[in-house]
Amino acid sequence: MKVDELERLLTAYYEGNTDECEEERLKQALRTEELPEHLLSDKRIVLAMEDRLAEEVSVPAGLEDRLSKLIDEKDEEEPHFIRRNSDRRNWRWVMGVAATFLLLFGIGWGVMEMKKKPIPPTPQDTFTDPQDAYRVLQATLVDVSRNWQAGLKQMQEAQVQMCIINKEVKQELSK
């Protein structure tokens, strides 16, 4: 048998798509033919499964009775399990409905509160004459400039004092 035919049969065998005749051809080819190295592991697997299936499996005594008893016990337990689950599901449904109503109530209350508050008026111009506005702006900018310059002077004085202190500290440390 050719290698590609053997690979096709192996693939069909692993997928469960072979009939008894094809399985026998595959097993016969695996037993008798010289195989490439990549098919040796497949040979061991297929032949090991055949050997396992050929062995007779013994069923313990009383297994059928024990299984029937276990199935009956589980059958009796089932209604309790379903009832408990449905109770939980009912509570979740009730809580979901309550949460929805609470959310809708909160949104409605918020909308009503927003309607009660007056809307702030739109700011109006403070000057009717542009020349007056220009003069006030100019005075404001002059005031800002003076304060800026005063702050810069204080910063320069502080910088000079820091330099003097640094020199004194360095002199003391070098002694």
Protein backbone atom coordinates (compact mmCIF):
# COMPACT_ATOMS: atom_id res chain seq x y z
CA MET A 1 0.00 0.00 0.00
CA LYS A 2 1.25 3.46 -0.86
CA VAL A 3 2.16 5.91 1.88
CA ASP A 4 -0.44 8.52 0.86
CA GLU A 5 -3.20 5.85 0.87
CA LEU A 6 -2.02 4.72 4.30
CA GLU A 7 -2.09 8.32 5.61
CA ARG A 8 -5.60 8.81 4.21
CA LEU A 9 -6.80 5.64 5.96
CA LEU A 10 -5.16 6.73 9.23
CA THR A 11 -6.88 10.11 9.08
CA ALA A 12 -10.25 8.49 8.39
CA TYR A 13 -9.59 5.94 11.19
CA TYR A 14 -8.84 8.68 13.75
CA GLU A 15 -11.98 10.58 12.70
CA GLY A 16 -14.08 7.42 12.99
CA ASN A 17 -15.00 7.35 9.30
CA THR A 18 -13.72 3.89 8.36
CA ASP A 19 -15.67 0.68 7.91
CA GLU A 20 -14.50 -2.75 9.07
CA CYS A 21 -12.93 -3.61 5.72
CA GLU A 22 -10.83 -0.42 5.66
CA GLU A 23 -9.76 -0.93 9.27
CA GLU A 24 -8.60 -4.47 8.47
CA ARG A 25 -6.64 -3.22 5.44
CA LEU A 26 -5.03 -0.53 7.60
CA LYS A 27 -4.10 -2.95 10.40
CA GLN A 28 -2.75 -5.49 7.92
CA ALA A 29 -0.61 -2.81 6.22
CA LEU A 30 0.71 -1.59 9.58
CA ARG A 31 1.66 -5.13 10.61
CA THR A 32 3.35 -6.29 7.41
CA GLU A 33 4.71 -3.34 5.46
CA GLU A 34 7.88 -1.35 5.92
CA LEU A 35 6.74 2.11 7.13
CA PRO A 36 8.34 5.54 7.02
CA GLU A 37 9.57 6.89 10.35
CA HIS A 38 6.76 9.45 10.75
CA LEU A 39 4.15 6.63 10.72
CA LEU A 40 5.77 4.44 13.37
CA SER A 41 4.00 6.18 16.24
CA ASP A 42 0.65 5.72 14.44
CA LYS A 43 1.48 2.03 14.01
CA ARG A 44 2.06 1.63 17.75
CA ILE A 45 -1.19 3.46 18.60
CA VAL A 46 -3.45 1.56 16.20
CA LEU A 47 -2.00 -1.85 17.01
CA ALA A 48 -2.12 -1.15 20.77
CA MET A 49 -5.81 -0.26 20.49
CA GLU A 50 -6.45 -3.49 18.57
CA ASP A 51 -4.69 -5.51 21.28
CA ARG A 52 -6.71 -3.79 24.02
CA LEU A 53 -9.98 -4.46 22.20
CA ALA A 54 -9.04 -8.11 21.71
CA GLU A 55 -8.66 -8.60 25.46
CA GLU A 56 -11.79 -9.71 27.21
CA VAL A 57 -13.15 -7.17 29.66
CA SER A 58 -14.65 -8.53 32.84
CA VAL A 59 -17.56 -6.71 34.43
CA PRO A 60 -17.57 -6.78 38.25
CA ALA A 61 -20.42 -8.66 39.86
CA GLY A 62 -23.33 -6.46 40.97
CA LEU A 63 -22.22 -3.46 38.89
CA GLU A 64 -25.55 -3.24 37.07
CA ASP A 65 -27.50 -3.22 40.34
CA ARG A 66 -25.27 -0.54 41.87
CA LEU A 67 -25.58 1.67 38.77
CA SER A 68 -29.38 1.31 38.74
CA LYS A 69 -29.53 2.23 42.43
CA LEU A 70 -27.29 5.28 41.86
CA ILE A 71 -29.43 6.43 38.91
CA ASP A 72 -32.60 6.11 41.02
CA GLU A 73 -31.03 8.14 43.87
CA LYS A 74 -29.98 10.91 41.48
CA ASP A 75 -33.44 10.89 39.93
CA GLU A 76 -35.00 11.52 43.35
CA GLU A 77 -32.56 14.39 44.07
CA GLU A 78 -33.28 16.19 40.78
CA PRO A 79 -36.60 17.93 41.73
CA HIS A 80 -34.98 19.55 44.79
CA PHE A 81 -32.14 20.88 42.70
CA ILE A 82 -34.48 22.35 40.07
CA ARG A 83 -36.75 23.94 42.68
CA ARG A 84 -33.85 25.65 44.46
CA ASN A 85 -32.48 26.95 41.19
CA SER A 86 -35.82 28.34 40.05
CA ASP A 87 -36.25 30.16 43.40
CA ARG A 88 -32.89 31.85 42.88
CA ARG A 89 -33.80 32.73 39.34
CA ASN A 90 -37.13 34.22 40.55
CA TRP A 91 -35.34 36.37 43.13
CA ARG A 92 -32.91 37.62 40.51
CA TRP A 93 -35.81 38.52 38.23
CA VAL A 94 -37.64 40.37 41.04
CA MET A 95 -34.46 42.25 41.99
CA GLY A 96 -33.87 43.18 38.35
CA VAL A 97 -37.38 44.60 38.02
CA ALA A 98 -36.99 46.53 41.29
CA ALA A 99 -33.64 47.95 40.16
CA THR A 100 -35.18 49.03 36.85
CA PHE A 101 -38.04 50.85 38.59
CA LEU A 102 -35.60 52.51 40.97
CA LEU A 103 -33.44 53.66 38.07
CA LEU A 104 -36.44 55.05 36.17
CA PHE A 105 -37.69 56.80 39.31
CA GLY A 106 -34.25 58.37 39.85
CA ILE A 107 -34.06 59.62 36.28
CA GLY A 108 -37.57 61.09 36.49
CA TRP A 109 -36.81 62.80 39.79
CA GLY A 110 -33.58 64.25 38.38
CA VAL A 111 -35.39 65.66 35.33
CA MET A 112 -38.03 67.27 37.57
CA GLU A 113 -35.34 68.83 39.77
CA MET A 114 -33.57 70.24 36.73
CA LYS A 115 -36.80 71.90 35.61
CA LYS A 116 -37.23 73.57 39.03
CA LYS A 117 -33.85 75.32 38.98
CA PRO A 118 -33.79 78.61 37.08
CA ILE A 119 -31.39 78.84 34.19
CA PRO A 120 -28.72 81.45 34.93
CA PRO A 121 -29.02 84.54 32.75
CA THR A 122 -26.69 85.02 29.83
CA PRO A 123 -23.92 87.52 30.66
CA GLN A 124 -24.40 90.90 29.04
CA ASP A 125 -21.76 93.38 27.91
CA THR A 126 -20.68 95.73 30.73
CA PHE A 127 -19.74 98.60 28.44
CA THR A 128 -21.79 100.24 25.77
CA ASP A 129 -19.00 102.53 24.59
CA PRO A 130 -15.91 100.77 23.16
CA GLN A 131 -13.65 103.66 24.24
CA ASP A 132 -14.64 103.14 27.90
CA ALA A 133 -13.86 99.43 27.60
CA TYR A 134 -10.47 100.22 26.03
CA ARG A 135 -9.56 102.61 28.87
CA VAL A 136 -10.53 100.11 31.58
CA LEU A 137 -8.55 97.36 29.81
CA GLN A 138 -5.52 99.62 29.52
CA ALA A 139 -5.69 100.53 33.23
CA THR A 140 -5.98 96.84 34.15
CA LEU A 141 -2.95 95.91 32.04
CA VAL A 142 -0.89 98.75 33.54
CA ASP A 143 -1.81 97.51 37.03
CA VAL A 144 -0.82 93.93 36.12
CA SER A 145 2.48 95.18 34.68
CA ARG A 146 3.33 97.12 37.87
CA ASN A 147 2.58 94.12 40.07
CA TRP A 148 4.67 91.92 37.77
CA GLN A 149 7.63 94.28 37.99
CA ALA A 150 7.33 94.52 41.78
CA GLY A 151 7.39 90.71 41.97
CA LEU A 152 10.46 90.55 39.73
CA LYS A 153 12.29 93.06 41.94
CA GLN A 154 11.55 90.97 45.01
CA MET A 155 12.80 87.84 43.20
CA GLN A 156 16.04 89.61 42.23
CA GLU A 157 16.59 90.77 45.81
CA ALA A 158 16.01 87.25 47.09
CA GLN A 159 18.43 85.90 44.49
CA VAL A 160 21.15 88.35 45.59
CA GLN A 161 20.61 87.39 49.22
CA MET A 162 20.81 83.69 48.34
CA CYS A 163 24.13 84.23 46.55
CA ILE A 164 25.54 86.03 49.61
CA ILE A 165 24.35 83.22 51.92
CA ASN A 166 25.85 80.57 49.61
CA LYS A 167 29.22 82.34 49.66
CA GLU A 168 29.18 82.55 53.46
CA VAL A 169 28.23 78.87 53.79
CA LYS A 170 31.00 77.82 51.40
CA GLN A 171 33.53 79.89 53.36
CA GLU A 172 32.44 78.28 56.62
CA LEU A 173 32.60 74.80 55.14
CA SER A 174 36.06 75.33 53.65
CA LYS A 175 37.56 76.30 57.04
